[in-house]
Amino acid sequence: MHAAVVFLAAVIIGLVMGGLMFLHDQSVPAAVVTGLVAAGGSVPVLHKLIG
């Protein structure tokens, strides 16, 4: 259950960051990369905060 909450929160963070980057640059590749980096970078932090 803990892992599911962490990954769900990371996906939401990645989607928000990717969406904001797309609105800023109008570039799909930049938005995808930003979303993936934000989601991947937030997993360890969320694991410590939620855990």
N, C-alpha and C. Protein backbone atom coordinates (compact mmCIF):
# COMPACT_ATOMS: atom_id res chain seq x y z
N MET A 1 0.82 -1.19 0.00
CA MET A 1 0.00 0.00 0.00
C MET A 1 0.88 1.27 0.00
N HIS A 2 1.96 1.23 0.77
CA HIS A 2 2.85 2.37 0.84
C HIS A 2 3.46 2.68 -0.52
N ALA A 3 3.89 1.65 -1.23
CA ALA A 3 4.50 1.87 -2.55
C ALA A 3 3.49 2.44 -3.54
N ALA A 4 2.25 1.99 -3.45
CA ALA A 4 1.22 2.49 -4.36
C ALA A 4 0.97 3.98 -4.14
N VAL A 5 0.96 4.42 -2.90
CA VAL A 5 0.75 5.84 -2.60
C VAL A 5 1.93 6.66 -3.10
N VAL A 6 3.13 6.17 -2.90
CA VAL A 6 4.32 6.89 -3.36
C VAL A 6 4.32 7.00 -4.88
N PHE A 7 4.06 5.91 -5.58
CA PHE A 7 4.08 5.96 -7.04
C PHE A 7 2.93 6.79 -7.60
N LEU A 8 1.76 6.75 -6.97
CA LEU A 8 0.65 7.57 -7.43
C LEU A 8 0.98 9.06 -7.26
N ALA A 9 1.55 9.42 -6.14
CA ALA A 9 1.94 10.81 -5.93
C ALA A 9 3.02 11.23 -6.92
N ALA A 10 3.96 10.34 -7.21
CA ALA A 10 5.02 10.66 -8.17
C ALA A 10 4.45 10.84 -9.58
N VAL A 11 3.48 10.03 -9.95
CA VAL A 11 2.85 10.17 -11.26
C VAL A 11 2.11 11.50 -11.35
N ILE A 12 1.41 11.87 -10.31
CA ILE A 12 0.69 13.14 -10.32
C ILE A 12 1.67 14.30 -10.44
N ILE A 13 2.76 14.25 -9.69
CA ILE A 13 3.78 15.30 -9.78
C ILE A 13 4.36 15.36 -11.19
N GLY A 14 4.65 14.21 -11.77
CA GLY A 14 5.19 14.17 -13.13
C GLY A 14 4.22 14.74 -14.16
N LEU A 15 2.94 14.42 -14.02
CA LEU A 15 1.94 14.94 -14.95
C LEU A 15 1.80 16.46 -14.83
N VAL A 16 1.80 16.94 -13.62
CA VAL A 16 1.67 18.39 -13.41
C VAL A 16 2.89 19.11 -13.98
N MET A 17 4.07 18.62 -13.67
CA MET A 17 5.28 19.28 -14.16
C MET A 17 5.38 19.20 -15.69
N GLY A 18 5.02 18.06 -16.25
CA GLY A 18 5.03 17.94 -17.71
C GLY A 18 4.01 18.86 -18.36
N GLY A 19 2.84 18.96 -17.77
CA GLY A 19 1.82 19.85 -18.30
C GLY A 19 2.24 21.31 -18.24
N LEU A 20 2.84 21.69 -17.13
CA LEU A 20 3.32 23.07 -17.03
C LEU A 20 4.43 23.37 -18.02
N MET A 21 5.31 22.40 -18.23
CA MET A 21 6.38 22.61 -19.21
C MET A 21 5.81 22.71 -20.62
N PHE A 22 4.78 21.90 -20.92
CA PHE A 22 4.17 21.98 -22.25
C PHE A 22 3.51 23.33 -22.46
N LEU A 23 2.83 23.83 -21.43
CA LEU A 23 2.19 25.14 -21.56
C LEU A 23 3.22 26.25 -21.72
N HIS A 24 4.39 26.06 -21.15
CA HIS A 24 5.42 27.09 -21.23
C HIS A 24 6.14 27.07 -22.57
N ASP A 25 6.57 25.89 -23.03
CA ASP A 25 7.41 25.78 -24.23
C ASP A 25 6.67 25.31 -25.47
N GLN A 26 5.49 24.74 -25.33
CA GLN A 26 4.75 24.15 -26.45
C GLN A 26 5.58 23.06 -27.14
N SER A 27 6.34 22.32 -26.35
CA SER A 27 7.20 21.27 -26.88
C SER A 27 6.87 19.96 -26.16
N VAL A 28 6.40 18.98 -26.93
CA VAL A 28 6.04 17.69 -26.33
C VAL A 28 7.25 16.96 -25.80
N PRO A 29 8.37 16.86 -26.54
CA PRO A 29 9.53 16.14 -25.98
C PRO A 29 10.05 16.76 -24.68
N ALA A 30 10.09 18.06 -24.61
CA ALA A 30 10.55 18.71 -23.37
C ALA A 30 9.59 18.43 -22.23
N ALA A 31 8.30 18.40 -22.52
CA ALA A 31 7.31 18.12 -21.49
C ALA A 31 7.42 16.69 -20.99
N VAL A 32 7.66 15.75 -21.88
CA VAL A 32 7.79 14.34 -21.49
C VAL A 32 9.03 14.14 -20.63
N VAL A 33 10.14 14.72 -21.06
CA VAL A 33 11.38 14.58 -20.29
C VAL A 33 11.23 15.22 -18.92
N THR A 34 10.64 16.39 -18.87
CA THR A 34 10.43 17.06 -17.58
C THR A 34 9.54 16.24 -16.67
N GLY A 35 8.48 15.68 -17.21
CA GLY A 35 7.58 14.84 -16.41
C GLY A 35 8.26 13.60 -15.87
N LEU A 36 9.05 12.96 -16.70
CA LEU A 36 9.76 11.75 -16.26
C LEU A 36 10.81 12.07 -15.20
N VAL A 37 11.54 13.15 -15.40
CA VAL A 37 12.57 13.53 -14.43
C VAL A 37 11.92 13.93 -13.10
N ALA A 38 10.83 14.67 -13.17
CA ALA A 38 10.16 15.10 -11.94
C ALA A 38 9.57 13.90 -11.20
N ALA A 39 8.98 12.97 -11.93
CA ALA A 39 8.41 11.79 -11.28
C ALA A 39 9.51 10.92 -10.69
N GLY A 40 10.57 10.71 -11.44
CA GLY A 40 11.67 9.88 -10.95
C GLY A 40 12.40 10.50 -9.77
N GLY A 41 12.55 11.80 -9.81
CA GLY A 41 13.24 12.47 -8.72
C GLY A 41 12.41 12.59 -7.45
N SER A 42 11.11 12.52 -7.59
CA SER A 42 10.26 12.68 -6.42
C SER A 42 10.03 11.37 -5.66
N VAL A 43 10.30 10.24 -6.28
CA VAL A 43 10.06 8.95 -5.62
C VAL A 43 10.87 8.80 -4.34
N PRO A 44 12.19 9.03 -4.34
CA PRO A 44 12.93 8.86 -3.07
C PRO A 44 12.49 9.85 -1.99
N VAL A 45 12.19 11.07 -2.40
CA VAL A 45 11.76 12.08 -1.42
C VAL A 45 10.41 11.70 -0.84
N LEU A 46 9.48 11.29 -1.69
CA LEU A 46 8.17 10.89 -1.20
C LEU A 46 8.26 9.64 -0.31
N HIS A 47 9.17 8.74 -0.66
CA HIS A 47 9.33 7.54 0.15
C HIS A 47 9.75 7.90 1.58
N LYS A 48 10.63 8.89 1.70
CA LYS A 48 11.06 9.33 3.03
C LYS A 48 9.96 10.10 3.76
N LEU A 49 9.22 10.95 3.02
CA LEU A 49 8.19 11.76 3.65
C LEU A 49 6.97 10.96 4.08
N ILE A 50 6.54 10.05 3.22
CA ILE A 50 5.32 9.29 3.51
C ILE A 50 5.64 8.12 4.41
N GLY A 51 6.82 7.55 4.28
CA GLY A 51 7.16 6.35 5.00
C GLY A 51 7.43 6.60 6.44
